[in-house]
Amino acid sequence: MKISKEKWDYLWTEWVKPILIAAALALFVRTFMVQPFKIPSSSMYPTLKPGDRIFVNKFIYGAKIPFTNIRLPKLETPKDGDIIVFTSPVEKNKYLVKRFIADGGEAVSIKSGSIFVDEKKLSEAPFDDLFYYNRGEYGAEDGRVEIPEGKFYVLGDNSANSMDSRYWGYVPDRNIVGKAFVIHWPPGRMHLIKEGE
């Protein structure tokens, strides 16, 4: 069946073109600005619960250009306490959500449930309400872990049930995806993730 030029012009203007533009905008936003993720486990409990759906700000740390190792300019660098999303250093194409603890050039130790970065105790919220267990090769009691340049160290808030840097070590900077900034589902959990939460 042949479509007349008038009908094709109508379809293009009213349907095809708007759909293509919307799809391109959605792809651009997801790639460079904001991406949704679903929390699959209790490793960040009670801050994030299984089934929570979050939005992650990708441009704040410099979004990665697909199929390259090139990043856009960043607005800020991750700091201790930020909830970040990154690709796993041990499982290909798996996304993880943990709390940023220390950057390359810093040293981490876990003593009596508290975290120390360069011998300074992290005592402000949320760290004042969390207990961290000494487990794994990189989380031994009174052990001091030096973070190599170009990598970072992360921990889950639910320390008793989190596979994190204590077990598999450091995460390359290139693996970072972005910073969690809002829980958008379920309705009863909807809120912005504040500093120190």
N, C-alpha and C. Protein backbone atom coordinates (compact mmCIF):
# COMPACT_ATOMS: atom_id res chain seq x y z
N MET A 1 0.84 -1.19 0.00
CA MET A 1 0.00 0.00 0.00
C MET A 1 0.88 1.24 0.00
N LYS A 2 0.64 2.10 -0.95
CA LYS A 2 1.46 3.29 -1.11
C LYS A 2 0.88 4.44 -0.28
N ILE A 3 1.77 5.13 0.45
CA ILE A 3 1.35 6.27 1.25
C ILE A 3 1.58 7.55 0.45
N SER A 4 0.57 8.36 0.39
CA SER A 4 0.68 9.61 -0.36
C SER A 4 1.67 10.54 0.35
N LYS A 5 2.21 11.48 -0.43
CA LYS A 5 3.17 12.44 0.13
C LYS A 5 2.53 13.25 1.25
N GLU A 6 1.28 13.63 1.08
CA GLU A 6 0.60 14.42 2.10
C GLU A 6 0.47 13.64 3.41
N LYS A 7 0.11 12.34 3.27
CA LYS A 7 -0.03 11.51 4.47
C LYS A 7 1.32 11.28 5.13
N TRP A 8 2.35 11.03 4.31
CA TRP A 8 3.68 10.83 4.86
C TRP A 8 4.17 12.09 5.58
N ASP A 9 3.94 13.27 4.97
CA ASP A 9 4.33 14.52 5.61
C ASP A 9 3.63 14.68 6.95
N TYR A 10 2.35 14.32 6.99
CA TYR A 10 1.59 14.40 8.23
C TYR A 10 2.16 13.45 9.29
N LEU A 11 2.39 12.18 8.86
CA LEU A 11 2.94 11.19 9.80
C LEU A 11 4.31 11.63 10.31
N TRP A 12 5.15 12.11 9.42
CA TRP A 12 6.49 12.55 9.80
C TRP A 12 6.43 13.70 10.81
N THR A 13 5.59 14.69 10.51
CA THR A 13 5.51 15.88 11.35
C THR A 13 4.86 15.59 12.70
N GLU A 14 3.80 14.81 12.69
CA GLU A 14 3.01 14.61 13.91
C GLU A 14 3.44 13.42 14.76
N TRP A 15 4.10 12.44 14.15
CA TRP A 15 4.43 11.21 14.88
C TRP A 15 5.91 10.83 14.84
N VAL A 16 6.43 10.61 13.64
CA VAL A 16 7.78 10.05 13.52
C VAL A 16 8.83 11.02 14.08
N LYS A 17 8.80 12.25 13.63
CA LYS A 17 9.80 13.22 14.06
C LYS A 17 9.77 13.47 15.57
N PRO A 18 8.58 13.70 16.18
CA PRO A 18 8.56 13.88 17.64
C PRO A 18 9.06 12.66 18.41
N ILE A 19 8.73 11.46 17.92
CA ILE A 19 9.20 10.24 18.60
C ILE A 19 10.71 10.12 18.52
N LEU A 20 11.28 10.42 17.33
CA LEU A 20 12.74 10.35 17.18
C LEU A 20 13.44 11.38 18.06
N ILE A 21 12.89 12.58 18.13
CA ILE A 21 13.48 13.62 18.96
C ILE A 21 13.41 13.22 20.44
N ALA A 22 12.25 12.71 20.86
CA ALA A 22 12.10 12.29 22.26
C ALA A 22 13.07 11.16 22.60
N ALA A 23 13.22 10.20 21.67
CA ALA A 23 14.14 9.08 21.91
C ALA A 23 15.58 9.57 22.00
N ALA A 24 15.96 10.52 21.13
CA ALA A 24 17.32 11.05 21.15
C ALA A 24 17.58 11.82 22.45
N LEU A 25 16.59 12.60 22.89
CA LEU A 25 16.74 13.34 24.14
C LEU A 25 16.85 12.41 25.34
N ALA A 26 16.01 11.36 25.34
CA ALA A 26 16.05 10.39 26.45
C ALA A 26 17.41 9.70 26.50
N LEU A 27 17.94 9.33 25.32
CA LEU A 27 19.24 8.68 25.26
C LEU A 27 20.34 9.62 25.74
N PHE A 28 20.26 10.88 25.35
CA PHE A 28 21.25 11.86 25.77
C PHE A 28 21.22 12.04 27.29
N VAL A 29 20.02 12.20 27.84
CA VAL A 29 19.87 12.38 29.29
C VAL A 29 20.41 11.18 30.04
N ARG A 30 20.05 9.97 29.59
CA ARG A 30 20.49 8.75 30.26
C ARG A 30 22.00 8.56 30.16
N THR A 31 22.58 8.94 29.05
CA THR A 31 24.01 8.74 28.83
C THR A 31 24.87 9.74 29.58
N PHE A 32 24.44 11.00 29.59
CA PHE A 32 25.31 12.05 30.11
C PHE A 32 24.81 12.76 31.37
N MET A 33 23.53 12.58 31.73
CA MET A 33 23.02 13.38 32.83
C MET A 33 22.48 12.56 34.00
N VAL A 34 21.41 11.83 33.80
CA VAL A 34 20.75 11.10 34.89
C VAL A 34 20.38 9.70 34.42
N GLN A 35 20.65 8.71 35.28
CA GLN A 35 20.30 7.32 34.95
C GLN A 35 19.60 6.68 36.14
N PRO A 36 18.53 5.91 35.89
CA PRO A 36 17.84 5.23 36.99
C PRO A 36 18.51 3.89 37.31
N PHE A 37 18.45 3.50 38.58
CA PHE A 37 18.94 2.20 39.02
C PHE A 37 17.99 1.66 40.08
N LYS A 38 17.94 0.34 40.17
CA LYS A 38 17.14 -0.33 41.19
C LYS A 38 18.08 -1.01 42.18
N ILE A 39 17.80 -0.84 43.48
CA ILE A 39 18.64 -1.44 44.52
C ILE A 39 18.26 -2.92 44.67
N PRO A 40 19.21 -3.84 44.39
CA PRO A 40 18.87 -5.27 44.39
C PRO A 40 19.11 -5.98 45.72
N SER A 41 19.90 -5.37 46.61
CA SER A 41 20.30 -6.09 47.83
C SER A 41 20.22 -5.17 49.04
N SER A 42 20.55 -5.74 50.19
CA SER A 42 20.50 -4.97 51.44
C SER A 42 21.87 -4.44 51.86
N SER A 43 22.83 -4.38 50.94
CA SER A 43 24.18 -3.97 51.32
C SER A 43 24.28 -2.51 51.77
N MET A 44 23.29 -1.67 51.38
CA MET A 44 23.29 -0.27 51.80
C MET A 44 22.18 0.03 52.80
N TYR A 45 21.59 -1.01 53.37
CA TYR A 45 20.53 -0.84 54.37
C TYR A 45 21.12 -0.21 55.64
N PRO A 46 20.45 0.71 56.30
CA PRO A 46 19.07 1.16 56.09
C PRO A 46 18.93 2.36 55.16
N THR A 47 20.05 2.89 54.65
CA THR A 47 19.98 4.07 53.79
C THR A 47 19.20 3.78 52.52
N LEU A 48 19.55 2.67 51.88
CA LEU A 48 18.85 2.22 50.68
C LEU A 48 18.35 0.80 50.93
N LYS A 49 17.09 0.56 50.61
CA LYS A 49 16.48 -0.75 50.85
C LYS A 49 16.28 -1.50 49.54
N PRO A 50 16.28 -2.84 49.60
CA PRO A 50 16.02 -3.61 48.38
C PRO A 50 14.70 -3.17 47.74
N GLY A 51 14.72 -2.93 46.44
CA GLY A 51 13.53 -2.47 45.73
C GLY A 51 13.47 -0.97 45.56
N ASP A 52 14.27 -0.22 46.32
CA ASP A 52 14.33 1.23 46.11
C ASP A 52 14.81 1.50 44.69
N ARG A 53 14.25 2.53 44.09
CA ARG A 53 14.70 2.97 42.77
C ARG A 53 15.28 4.37 42.93
N ILE A 54 16.48 4.54 42.42
CA ILE A 54 17.20 5.80 42.60
C ILE A 54 17.54 6.42 41.25
N PHE A 55 17.75 7.73 41.28
CA PHE A 55 18.32 8.43 40.14
C PHE A 55 19.76 8.78 40.49
N VAL A 56 20.63 8.64 39.50
CA VAL A 56 22.06 8.90 39.69
C VAL A 56 22.50 10.04 38.78
N ASN A 57 23.13 11.04 39.38
CA ASN A 57 23.66 12.18 38.66
C ASN A 57 24.99 11.76 38.02
N LYS A 58 25.03 11.71 36.70
CA LYS A 58 26.23 11.26 36.00
C LYS A 58 27.18 12.40 35.65
N PHE A 59 26.64 13.60 35.42
CA PHE A 59 27.51 14.68 34.96
C PHE A 59 28.33 15.30 36.09
N ILE A 60 27.90 15.10 37.35
CA ILE A 60 28.60 15.75 38.46
C ILE A 60 30.07 15.29 38.57
N TYR A 61 30.32 14.00 38.29
CA TYR A 61 31.69 13.49 38.33
C TYR A 61 32.31 13.40 36.94
N GLY A 62 31.61 13.88 35.93
CA GLY A 62 32.11 13.81 34.56
C GLY A 62 31.65 12.54 33.87
N ALA A 63 30.56 12.65 33.11
CA ALA A 63 30.00 11.48 32.43
C ALA A 63 30.98 10.92 31.40
N LYS A 64 30.96 9.62 31.27
CA LYS A 64 31.85 8.94 30.34
C LYS A 64 31.22 8.90 28.95
N ILE A 65 32.01 9.21 27.94
CA ILE A 65 31.54 9.12 26.56
C ILE A 65 31.53 7.65 26.16
N PRO A 66 30.37 7.14 25.69
CA PRO A 66 30.26 5.70 25.39
C PRO A 66 31.35 5.20 24.43
N PHE A 67 31.80 3.97 24.71
CA PHE A 67 32.78 3.26 23.88
C PHE A 67 34.16 3.91 23.90
N THR A 68 34.41 4.80 24.86
CA THR A 68 35.72 5.41 25.02
C THR A 68 36.06 5.46 26.50
N ASN A 69 37.27 5.89 26.81
CA ASN A 69 37.65 6.15 28.20
C ASN A 69 37.70 7.64 28.47
N ILE A 70 37.05 8.42 27.59
CA ILE A 70 37.04 9.87 27.71
C ILE A 70 35.86 10.30 28.59
N ARG A 71 36.14 11.23 29.49
CA ARG A 71 35.10 11.76 30.36
C ARG A 71 34.91 13.26 30.11
N LEU A 72 33.68 13.71 30.27
CA LEU A 72 33.40 15.13 30.21
C LEU A 72 33.97 15.79 31.47
N PRO A 73 34.17 17.11 31.44
CA PRO A 73 34.69 17.78 32.65
C PRO A 73 33.76 17.57 33.84
N LYS A 74 34.34 17.33 35.01
CA LYS A 74 33.53 17.09 36.21
C LYS A 74 33.29 18.37 36.99
N LEU A 75 32.17 18.40 37.71
CA LEU A 75 31.85 19.54 38.54
C LEU A 75 32.49 19.42 39.92
N GLU A 76 32.64 18.17 40.38
CA GLU A 76 33.29 17.94 41.67
C GLU A 76 33.82 16.52 41.71
N THR A 77 34.68 16.25 42.67
CA THR A 77 35.21 14.91 42.85
C THR A 77 34.45 14.25 44.00
N PRO A 78 34.35 12.92 44.00
CA PRO A 78 33.66 12.24 45.11
C PRO A 78 34.36 12.52 46.44
N LYS A 79 33.56 12.62 47.48
CA LYS A 79 34.13 12.82 48.81
C LYS A 79 33.57 11.78 49.76
N ASP A 80 34.26 11.58 50.89
CA ASP A 80 33.83 10.54 51.82
C ASP A 80 32.39 10.78 52.26
N GLY A 81 31.60 9.73 52.17
CA GLY A 81 30.19 9.80 52.53
C GLY A 81 29.26 9.82 51.34
N ASP A 82 29.75 10.18 50.14
CA ASP A 82 28.90 10.17 48.95
C ASP A 82 28.44 8.75 48.63
N ILE A 83 27.17 8.61 48.26
CA ILE A 83 26.66 7.32 47.78
C ILE A 83 26.83 7.31 46.27
N ILE A 84 27.64 6.38 45.80
CA ILE A 84 27.99 6.37 44.38
C ILE A 84 27.60 5.05 43.71
N VAL A 85 27.45 5.13 42.41
CA VAL A 85 27.24 3.94 41.58
C VAL A 85 28.48 3.78 40.70
N PHE A 86 28.94 2.55 40.56
CA PHE A 86 30.13 2.26 39.76
C PHE A 86 30.01 0.85 39.22
N THR A 87 30.82 0.54 38.23
CA THR A 87 30.84 -0.82 37.72
C THR A 87 31.80 -1.64 38.55
N SER A 88 31.42 -2.87 38.84
CA SER A 88 32.19 -3.74 39.72
C SER A 88 33.60 -3.98 39.16
N PRO A 89 34.61 -3.96 40.03
CA PRO A 89 35.96 -4.28 39.58
C PRO A 89 36.19 -5.78 39.39
N VAL A 90 35.23 -6.60 39.83
CA VAL A 90 35.42 -8.05 39.74
C VAL A 90 34.37 -8.77 38.90
N GLU A 91 33.22 -8.13 38.65
CA GLU A 91 32.18 -8.74 37.82
C GLU A 91 31.85 -7.80 36.67
N LYS A 92 32.16 -8.22 35.47
CA LYS A 92 32.00 -7.37 34.30
C LYS A 92 30.54 -6.96 34.11
N ASN A 93 30.35 -5.67 33.81
CA ASN A 93 29.03 -5.10 33.49
C ASN A 93 28.02 -5.15 34.63
N LYS A 94 28.49 -5.32 35.87
CA LYS A 94 27.60 -5.29 37.02
C LYS A 94 27.75 -3.95 37.73
N TYR A 95 26.61 -3.30 37.99
CA TYR A 95 26.63 -2.03 38.70
C TYR A 95 26.49 -2.26 40.20
N LEU A 96 27.24 -1.49 40.98
CA LEU A 96 27.19 -1.57 42.43
C LEU A 96 26.92 -0.18 43.01
N VAL A 97 26.27 -0.17 44.18
CA VAL A 97 26.01 1.08 44.91
C VAL A 97 26.66 0.95 46.29
N LYS A 98 27.58 1.83 46.59
CA LYS A 98 28.27 1.81 47.89
C LYS A 98 28.55 3.24 48.33
N ARG A 99 29.15 3.36 49.49
CA ARG A 99 29.51 4.67 50.01
C ARG A 99 31.00 4.92 49.77
N PHE A 100 31.29 6.07 49.18
CA PHE A 100 32.68 6.45 48.91
C PHE A 100 33.38 6.74 50.23
N ILE A 101 34.56 6.14 50.41
CA ILE A 101 35.30 6.30 51.66
C ILE A 101 36.60 7.06 51.48
N ALA A 102 37.40 6.68 50.49
CA ALA A 102 38.71 7.32 50.34
C ALA A 102 39.16 7.27 48.89
N ASP A 103 40.00 8.22 48.55
CA ASP A 103 40.51 8.37 47.19
C ASP A 103 41.97 7.94 47.11
N GLY A 104 42.49 7.88 45.88
CA GLY A 104 43.88 7.51 45.68
C GLY A 104 44.83 8.43 46.46
N GLY A 105 45.83 7.82 47.09
CA GLY A 105 46.78 8.59 47.89
C GLY A 105 46.42 8.66 49.35
N GLU A 106 45.20 8.20 49.72
CA GLU A 106 44.78 8.19 51.12
C GLU A 106 44.92 6.78 51.69
N ALA A 107 44.87 6.69 53.01
CA ALA A 107 44.99 5.40 53.69
C ALA A 107 43.76 5.18 54.56
N VAL A 108 43.24 3.93 54.54
CA VAL A 108 42.04 3.58 55.29
C VAL A 108 42.37 2.51 56.31
N SER A 109 41.76 2.65 57.48
CA SER A 109 41.83 1.57 58.48
C SER A 109 40.49 1.51 59.20
N ILE A 110 40.12 0.32 59.65
CA ILE A 110 38.87 0.10 60.37
C ILE A 110 39.23 -0.40 61.77
N LYS A 111 38.84 0.39 62.78
CA LYS A 111 39.19 0.05 64.16
C LYS A 111 37.95 0.15 65.04
N SER A 112 37.62 -0.95 65.70
CA SER A 112 36.50 -0.99 66.64
C SER A 112 35.20 -0.46 66.03
N GLY A 113 35.00 -0.80 64.75
CA GLY A 113 33.76 -0.42 64.08
C GLY A 113 33.77 0.94 63.43
N SER A 114 34.84 1.69 63.60
CA SER A 114 34.93 3.03 63.02
C SER A 114 35.93 3.06 61.88
N ILE A 115 35.75 4.02 60.97
CA ILE A 115 36.63 4.16 59.82
C ILE A 115 37.57 5.34 60.06
N PHE A 116 38.83 5.13 59.72
CA PHE A 116 39.83 6.18 59.80
C PHE A 116 40.44 6.38 58.42
N VAL A 117 40.48 7.63 57.98
CA VAL A 117 41.12 7.97 56.71
C VAL A 117 42.30 8.87 57.03
N ASP A 118 43.50 8.41 56.68
CA ASP A 118 44.74 9.12 57.05
C ASP A 118 44.77 9.40 58.55
N GLU A 119 44.39 8.36 59.32
CA GLU A 119 44.39 8.38 60.79
C GLU A 119 43.33 9.29 61.40
N LYS A 120 42.48 9.90 60.58
CA LYS A 120 41.41 10.75 61.11
C LYS A 120 40.09 9.99 61.08
N LYS A 121 39.43 9.91 62.23
CA LYS A 121 38.18 9.16 62.34
C LYS A 121 37.05 9.89 61.61
N LEU A 122 36.29 9.13 60.82
CA LEU A 122 35.09 9.67 60.19
C LEU A 122 33.97 9.59 61.23
N SER A 123 33.66 10.71 61.85
CA SER A 123 32.74 10.69 62.98
C SER A 123 31.44 11.44 62.74
N GLU A 124 31.32 12.13 61.60
CA GLU A 124 30.09 12.85 61.31
C GLU A 124 29.09 11.90 60.65
N ALA A 125 27.83 12.37 60.55
CA ALA A 125 26.79 11.57 59.89
C ALA A 125 27.21 11.29 58.44
N PRO A 126 26.97 10.07 57.95
CA PRO A 126 26.25 8.97 58.59
C PRO A 126 27.15 8.04 59.40
N PHE A 127 28.45 8.32 59.40
CA PHE A 127 29.40 7.38 60.00
C PHE A 127 29.23 7.23 61.51
N ASP A 128 28.63 8.23 62.15
CA ASP A 128 28.44 8.13 63.60
C ASP A 128 27.38 7.09 63.98
N ASP A 129 26.55 6.69 63.00
CA ASP A 129 25.50 5.70 63.28
C ASP A 129 25.77 4.33 62.67
N LEU A 130 26.91 4.17 62.04
CA LEU A 130 27.21 2.90 61.35
C LEU A 130 28.37 2.18 62.02
N PHE A 131 28.30 0.85 62.01
CA PHE A 131 29.38 0.03 62.56
C PHE A 131 29.98 -0.80 61.42
N TYR A 132 31.29 -0.74 61.29
CA TYR A 132 31.97 -1.45 60.20
C TYR A 132 32.79 -2.61 60.77
N TYR A 133 32.53 -3.78 60.22
CA TYR A 133 33.21 -4.99 60.68
C TYR A 133 34.54 -5.18 59.96
N ASN A 134 35.48 -5.76 60.68
CA ASN A 134 36.78 -6.09 60.09
C ASN A 134 36.66 -7.42 59.37
N ARG A 135 36.60 -7.36 58.08
CA ARG A 135 36.48 -8.57 57.26
C ARG A 135 37.27 -8.39 55.98
N GLY A 136 37.67 -9.51 55.39
CA GLY A 136 38.34 -9.47 54.10
C GLY A 136 39.79 -9.05 54.18
N GLU A 137 40.45 -9.22 53.06
CA GLU A 137 41.89 -8.92 52.96
C GLU A 137 42.19 -7.44 53.16
N TYR A 138 41.24 -6.57 52.76
CA TYR A 138 41.48 -5.13 52.81
C TYR A 138 40.70 -4.44 53.95
N GLY A 139 40.31 -5.23 54.94
CA GLY A 139 39.57 -4.65 56.05
C GLY A 139 39.93 -5.26 57.39
N ALA A 140 41.16 -5.72 57.50
CA ALA A 140 41.60 -6.41 58.72
C ALA A 140 41.68 -5.44 59.91
N GLU A 141 41.47 -5.96 61.10
CA GLU A 141 41.54 -5.18 62.34
C GLU A 141 42.90 -4.48 62.44
N ASP A 142 42.85 -3.17 62.62
CA ASP A 142 44.05 -2.34 62.74
C ASP A 142 44.95 -2.38 61.51
N GLY A 143 44.43 -2.94 60.41
CA GLY A 143 45.21 -2.93 59.17
C GLY A 143 45.11 -1.57 58.50
N ARG A 144 46.15 -1.16 57.84
CA ARG A 144 46.16 0.14 57.13
C ARG A 144 46.26 -0.14 55.64
N VAL A 145 45.28 0.33 54.90
CA VAL A 145 45.22 0.08 53.46
C VAL A 145 45.54 1.36 52.71
N GLU A 146 46.59 1.34 51.92
CA GLU A 146 46.99 2.50 51.12
C GLU A 146 46.26 2.42 49.77
N ILE A 147 45.50 3.46 49.43
CA ILE A 147 44.76 3.46 48.17
C ILE A 147 45.67 3.95 47.06
N PRO A 148 45.88 3.15 46.01
CA PRO A 148 46.74 3.60 44.91
C PRO A 148 46.12 4.79 44.17
N GLU A 149 46.95 5.59 43.56
CA GLU A 149 46.45 6.70 42.74
C GLU A 149 45.61 6.14 41.59
N GLY A 150 44.56 6.86 41.26
CA GLY A 150 43.69 6.43 40.17
C GLY A 150 42.65 5.41 40.58
N LYS A 151 42.53 5.18 41.91
CA LYS A 151 41.54 4.22 42.41
C LYS A 151 40.88 4.78 43.67
N PHE A 152 39.81 4.13 44.13
CA PHE A 152 39.12 4.57 45.34
C PHE A 152 38.61 3.38 46.13
N TYR A 153 38.18 3.64 47.37
CA TYR A 153 37.78 2.60 48.33
C TYR A 153 36.33 2.87 48.73
N VAL A 154 35.51 1.81 48.73
CA VAL A 154 34.08 1.96 49.05
C VAL A 154 33.64 0.92 50.08
N LEU A 155 32.57 1.25 50.83
CA LEU A 155 31.99 0.33 51.79
C LEU A 155 30.47 0.40 51.72
N GLY A 156 29.82 -0.71 52.05
CA GLY A 156 28.38 -0.73 52.18
C GLY A 156 27.98 -0.34 53.59
N ASP A 157 26.84 0.34 53.74
CA ASP A 157 26.38 0.74 55.08
C ASP A 157 26.04 -0.47 55.95
N ASN A 158 25.52 -1.53 55.32
CA ASN A 158 25.19 -2.76 56.04
C ASN A 158 26.44 -3.64 56.05
N SER A 159 27.37 -3.27 56.90
CA SER A 159 28.70 -3.87 56.88
C SER A 159 28.71 -5.38 57.07
N ALA A 160 27.71 -5.89 57.80
CA ALA A 160 27.65 -7.34 58.03
C ALA A 160 27.22 -8.09 56.78
N ASN A 161 26.65 -7.40 55.81
CA ASN A 161 26.12 -8.07 54.62
C ASN A 161 26.46 -7.27 53.35
N SER A 162 27.72 -6.96 53.20
CA SER A 162 28.14 -6.19 52.03
C SER A 162 29.49 -6.69 51.51
N MET A 163 29.50 -7.04 50.23
CA MET A 163 30.77 -7.33 49.55
C MET A 163 31.27 -6.00 49.01
N ASP A 164 32.40 -5.55 49.54
CA ASP A 164 32.88 -4.22 49.17
C ASP A 164 34.41 -4.22 49.14
N SER A 165 35.00 -3.05 49.28
CA SER A 165 36.46 -2.94 49.16
C SER A 165 37.21 -3.74 50.21
N ARG A 166 36.56 -4.11 51.31
CA ARG A 166 37.25 -4.94 52.30
C ARG A 166 37.64 -6.28 51.70
N TYR A 167 36.86 -6.75 50.72
CA TYR A 167 37.08 -8.06 50.12
C TYR A 167 37.85 -7.99 48.81
N TRP A 168 37.43 -7.08 47.91
CA TRP A 168 38.08 -7.07 46.58
C TRP A 168 38.94 -5.85 46.33
N GLY A 169 39.15 -5.04 47.33
CA GLY A 169 40.12 -3.96 47.19
C GLY A 169 39.58 -2.69 46.55
N TYR A 170 40.34 -2.14 45.63
CA TYR A 170 40.09 -0.81 45.12
C TYR A 170 39.31 -0.83 43.81
N VAL A 171 38.68 0.31 43.53
CA VAL A 171 37.91 0.46 42.29
C VAL A 171 38.61 1.50 41.42
N PRO A 172 38.88 1.19 40.16
CA PRO A 172 39.50 2.20 39.28
C PRO A 172 38.58 3.40 39.08
N ASP A 173 39.16 4.58 39.03
CA ASP A 173 38.39 5.81 38.82
C ASP A 173 37.50 5.72 37.59
N ARG A 174 37.99 5.04 36.55
CA ARG A 174 37.22 4.96 35.30
C ARG A 174 35.90 4.21 35.46
N ASN A 175 35.75 3.44 36.56
CA ASN A 175 34.52 2.66 36.77
C ASN A 175 33.37 3.48 37.33
N ILE A 176 33.64 4.67 37.80
CA ILE A 176 32.58 5.44 38.45
C ILE A 176 31.52 5.87 37.44
N VAL A 177 30.27 5.78 37.85
CA VAL A 177 29.13 6.16 37.00
C VAL A 177 28.54 7.49 37.46
N GLY A 178 28.31 7.63 38.75
CA GLY A 178 27.74 8.88 39.23
C GLY A 178 27.35 8.82 40.69
N LYS A 179 26.65 9.87 41.12
CA LYS A 179 26.27 10.04 42.52
C LYS A 179 24.76 9.91 42.68
N ALA A 180 24.33 9.05 43.60
CA ALA A 180 22.90 8.89 43.89
C ALA A 180 22.39 10.17 44.54
N PHE A 181 21.27 10.70 44.03
CA PHE A 181 20.77 11.95 44.61
C PHE A 181 19.30 11.93 44.98
N VAL A 182 18.55 10.91 44.56
CA VAL A 182 17.14 10.87 44.94
C VAL A 182 16.63 9.43 44.89
N ILE A 183 15.77 9.09 45.85
CA ILE A 183 14.99 7.85 45.78
C ILE A 183 13.64 8.25 45.20
N HIS A 184 13.29 7.68 44.04
CA HIS A 184 12.05 8.10 43.39
C HIS A 184 10.95 7.04 43.45
N TRP A 185 11.24 5.89 44.03
CA TRP A 185 10.24 4.82 44.18
C TRP A 185 10.70 3.87 45.26
N PRO A 186 9.82 3.33 46.09
CA PRO A 186 8.36 3.46 46.10
C PRO A 186 7.91 4.82 46.66
N PRO A 187 6.64 5.16 46.48
CA PRO A 187 6.15 6.49 46.89
C PRO A 187 6.46 6.85 48.34
N GLY A 188 6.35 5.90 49.25
CA GLY A 188 6.60 6.18 50.65
C GLY A 188 8.06 6.45 50.97
N ARG A 189 8.95 6.17 50.03
CA ARG A 189 10.39 6.36 50.25
C ARG A 189 10.94 7.53 49.43
N MET A 190 10.10 8.21 48.67
CA MET A 190 10.57 9.26 47.78
C MET A 190 11.16 10.43 48.56
N HIS A 191 12.44 10.73 48.29
CA HIS A 191 13.08 11.92 48.88
C HIS A 191 14.46 12.12 48.28
N LEU A 192 14.93 13.37 48.40
CA LEU A 192 16.30 13.67 47.98
C LEU A 192 17.26 13.05 48.99
N ILE A 193 18.36 12.52 48.50
CA ILE A 193 19.40 11.96 49.38
C ILE A 193 20.30 13.11 49.81
N LYS A 194 20.25 13.46 51.07
CA LYS A 194 20.98 14.62 51.57
C LYS A 194 22.40 14.26 51.94
N GLU A 195 23.24 15.29 52.03
CA GLU A 195 24.60 15.09 52.50
C GLU A 195 24.54 14.51 53.92
N GLY A 196 25.32 13.49 54.18
CA GLY A 196 25.34 12.89 55.50
C GLY A 196 24.29 11.84 55.73
N GLU A 197 23.46 11.57 54.71
CA GLU A 197 22.44 10.52 54.86
C GLU A 197 23.05 9.17 54.55
